[in-house]
Amino acid sequence: MKTMDKVRAHREILKHNLFNYDWSNTPVDKLILVELDYNHITIQEEGPDGFTHCKSSFCNTERLINYMNKQVVRQPEYDLVIMDKAELI
């Protein structure tokens, strides 16, 4: 049980630090990350107002690309990064 208590205490410290982090000096970073080899897309934003992170999976690459195109049109201020087998394109 002591190991579980250490894990829980560590988790609580991490959670406390995350929720009390001073985001006011954080530069704005907006990113759409597409992982072609896993058919995943991640849309994330980080800045003075905090952060958001949304990851979606698709059953095929065609649906992934269609969703990516919609997001790029909806959010043109986001950087687009496309990865295939851990290599940047």
C-alpha atoms as a PDB file:
ATOM      1  CA  MET A   1       0.000   0.000   0.000  1.00  0.00           C
ATOM      2  CA  LYS A   2       2.888   2.411   0.580  1.00  0.00           C
ATOM      3  CA  THR A   3       3.725   2.391  -3.126  1.00  0.00           C
ATOM      4  CA  MET A   4       0.148   3.403  -3.954  1.00  0.00           C
ATOM      5  CA  ASP A   5       0.331   6.232  -1.414  1.00  0.00           C
ATOM      6  CA  LYS A   6       3.528   7.534  -3.050  1.00  0.00           C
ATOM      7  CA  VAL A   7       1.919   7.365  -6.486  1.00  0.00           C
ATOM      8  CA  ARG A   8      -1.183   9.163  -5.254  1.00  0.00           C
ATOM      9  CA  ALA A   9       0.896  11.850  -3.509  1.00  0.00           C
ATOM     10  CA  HIS A  10       2.976  12.381  -6.652  1.00  0.00           C
ATOM     11  CA  ARG A  11      -0.175  12.668  -8.740  1.00  0.00           C
ATOM     12  CA  GLU A  12      -1.636  15.219  -6.322  1.00  0.00           C
ATOM     13  CA  ILE A  13       1.550  17.323  -6.483  1.00  0.00           C
ATOM     14  CA  LEU A  14       1.479  17.279 -10.287  1.00  0.00           C
ATOM     15  CA  LYS A  15      -2.200  18.209 -10.338  1.00  0.00           C
ATOM     16  CA  HIS A  16      -1.623  21.054  -7.857  1.00  0.00           C
ATOM     17  CA  ASN A  17       1.282  22.419  -9.938  1.00  0.00           C
ATOM     18  CA  LEU A  18      -0.710  22.219 -13.164  1.00  0.00           C
ATOM     19  CA  PHE A  19      -3.740  24.046 -11.799  1.00  0.00           C
ATOM     20  CA  ASN A  20      -1.631  26.708 -10.086  1.00  0.00           C
ATOM     21  CA  TYR A  21       0.759  27.325 -12.987  1.00  0.00           C
ATOM     22  CA  ASP A  22       1.158  30.985 -13.959  1.00  0.00           C
ATOM     23  CA  TRP A  23       0.145  31.003 -17.637  1.00  0.00           C
ATOM     24  CA  SER A  24       0.380  34.813 -17.957  1.00  0.00           C
ATOM     25  CA  ASN A  25       3.902  34.721 -19.437  1.00  0.00           C
ATOM     26  CA  THR A  26       3.283  31.766 -21.743  1.00  0.00           C
ATOM     27  CA  PRO A  27       3.554  32.656 -25.449  1.00  0.00           C
ATOM     28  CA  VAL A  28       0.557  31.793 -27.606  1.00  0.00           C
ATOM     29  CA  ASP A  29       1.072  28.531 -29.485  1.00  0.00           C
ATOM     30  CA  LYS A  30      -1.662  27.129 -31.733  1.00  0.00           C
ATOM     31  CA  LEU A  31      -1.104  23.815 -33.448  1.00  0.00           C
ATOM     32  CA  ILE A  32      -2.895  21.226 -35.571  1.00  0.00           C
ATOM     33  CA  LEU A  33      -0.863  18.006 -35.495  1.00  0.00           C
ATOM     34  CA  VAL A  34      -1.766  15.247 -37.960  1.00  0.00           C
ATOM     35  CA  GLU A  35      -0.259  11.780 -37.456  1.00  0.00           C
ATOM     36  CA  LEU A  36      -0.841   9.932 -40.714  1.00  0.00           C
ATOM     37  CA  ASP A  37       0.543   6.596 -39.528  1.00  0.00           C
ATOM     38  CA  TYR A  38      -1.997   6.465 -36.653  1.00  0.00           C
ATOM     39  CA  ASN A  39      -4.867   8.414 -38.308  1.00  0.00           C
ATOM     40  CA  HIS A  40      -4.868  10.881 -35.390  1.00  0.00           C
ATOM     41  CA  ILE A  41      -5.336  14.625 -35.335  1.00  0.00           C
ATOM     42  CA  THR A  42      -4.564  16.816 -32.338  1.00  0.00           C
ATOM     43  CA  ILE A  43      -5.683  20.416 -32.034  1.00  0.00           C
ATOM     44  CA  GLN A  44      -4.066  22.312 -29.206  1.00  0.00           C
ATOM     45  CA  GLU A  45      -3.701  25.865 -28.007  1.00  0.00           C
ATOM     46  CA  GLU A  46      -1.497  27.185 -25.239  1.00  0.00           C
ATOM     47  CA  GLY A  47      -1.152  30.734 -23.999  1.00  0.00           C
ATOM     48  CA  PRO A  48      -1.915  33.239 -21.251  1.00  0.00           C
ATOM     49  CA  ASP A  49      -5.505  31.944 -20.972  1.00  0.00           C
ATOM     50  CA  GLY A  50      -4.349  28.361 -20.295  1.00  0.00           C
ATOM     51  CA  PHE A  51      -4.365  25.415 -22.654  1.00  0.00           C
ATOM     52  CA  THR A  52      -6.737  23.204 -24.596  1.00  0.00           C
ATOM     53  CA  HIS A  53      -6.011  19.839 -26.148  1.00  0.00           C
ATOM     54  CA  CYS A  54      -8.319  17.772 -28.328  1.00  0.00           C
ATOM     55  CA  LYS A  55      -7.269  14.528 -30.016  1.00  0.00           C
ATOM     56  CA  SER A  56      -9.402  12.526 -32.456  1.00  0.00           C
ATOM     57  CA  SER A  57      -8.901   9.218 -34.265  1.00  0.00           C
ATOM     58  CA  PHE A  58     -10.282   8.192 -37.640  1.00  0.00           C
ATOM     59  CA  CYS A  59     -10.830   4.790 -39.219  1.00  0.00           C
ATOM     60  CA  ASN A  60      -9.234   5.805 -42.507  1.00  0.00           C
ATOM     61  CA  THR A  61      -6.920   8.448 -43.902  1.00  0.00           C
ATOM     62  CA  GLU A  62      -9.546   9.978 -46.186  1.00  0.00           C
ATOM     63  CA  ARG A  63     -11.746  11.007 -43.242  1.00  0.00           C
ATOM     64  CA  LEU A  64      -8.688  12.272 -41.384  1.00  0.00           C
ATOM     65  CA  ILE A  65      -7.657  14.487 -44.310  1.00  0.00           C
ATOM     66  CA  ASN A  66     -11.200  15.800 -44.758  1.00  0.00           C
ATOM     67  CA  TYR A  67     -11.386  16.735 -41.077  1.00  0.00           C
ATOM     68  CA  MET A  68      -7.917  18.303 -41.252  1.00  0.00           C
ATOM     69  CA  ASN A  69      -8.966  20.451 -44.219  1.00  0.00           C
ATOM     70  CA  LYS A  70     -12.067  21.653 -42.355  1.00  0.00           C
ATOM     71  CA  GLN A  71     -10.003  22.565 -39.301  1.00  0.00           C
ATOM     72  CA  VAL A  72      -7.380  24.431 -41.341  1.00  0.00           C
ATOM     73  CA  VAL A  73     -10.144  26.502 -42.987  1.00  0.00           C
ATOM     74  CA  ARG A  74     -11.904  27.106 -39.637  1.00  0.00           C
ATOM     75  CA  GLN A  75      -8.712  28.000 -37.780  1.00  0.00           C
ATOM     76  CA  PRO A  76      -6.204  29.532 -40.219  1.00  0.00           C
ATOM     77  CA  GLU A  77      -4.119  31.017 -37.380  1.00  0.00           C
ATOM     78  CA  TYR A  78      -3.064  27.517 -36.243  1.00  0.00           C
ATOM     79  CA  ASP A  79       0.222  25.989 -37.442  1.00  0.00           C
ATOM     80  CA  LEU A  80      -0.226  22.729 -39.347  1.00  0.00           C
ATOM     81  CA  VAL A  81       2.235  19.889 -38.700  1.00  0.00           C
ATOM     82  CA  ILE A  82       1.872  16.614 -40.593  1.00  0.00           C
ATOM     83  CA  MET A  83       3.813  13.592 -39.371  1.00  0.00           C
ATOM     84  CA  ASP A  84       4.230  10.229 -41.041  1.00  0.00           C
ATOM     85  CA  LYS A  85       6.132   7.465 -39.226  1.00  0.00           C
ATOM     86  CA  ALA A  86       7.712   9.969 -36.840  1.00  0.00           C
ATOM     87  CA  GLU A  87       9.116  12.112 -39.647  1.00  0.00           C
ATOM     88  CA  LEU A  88       8.081  15.704 -40.185  1.00  0.00           C
ATOM     89  CA  ILE A  89       6.744  16.490 -43.662  1.00  0.00           C
END
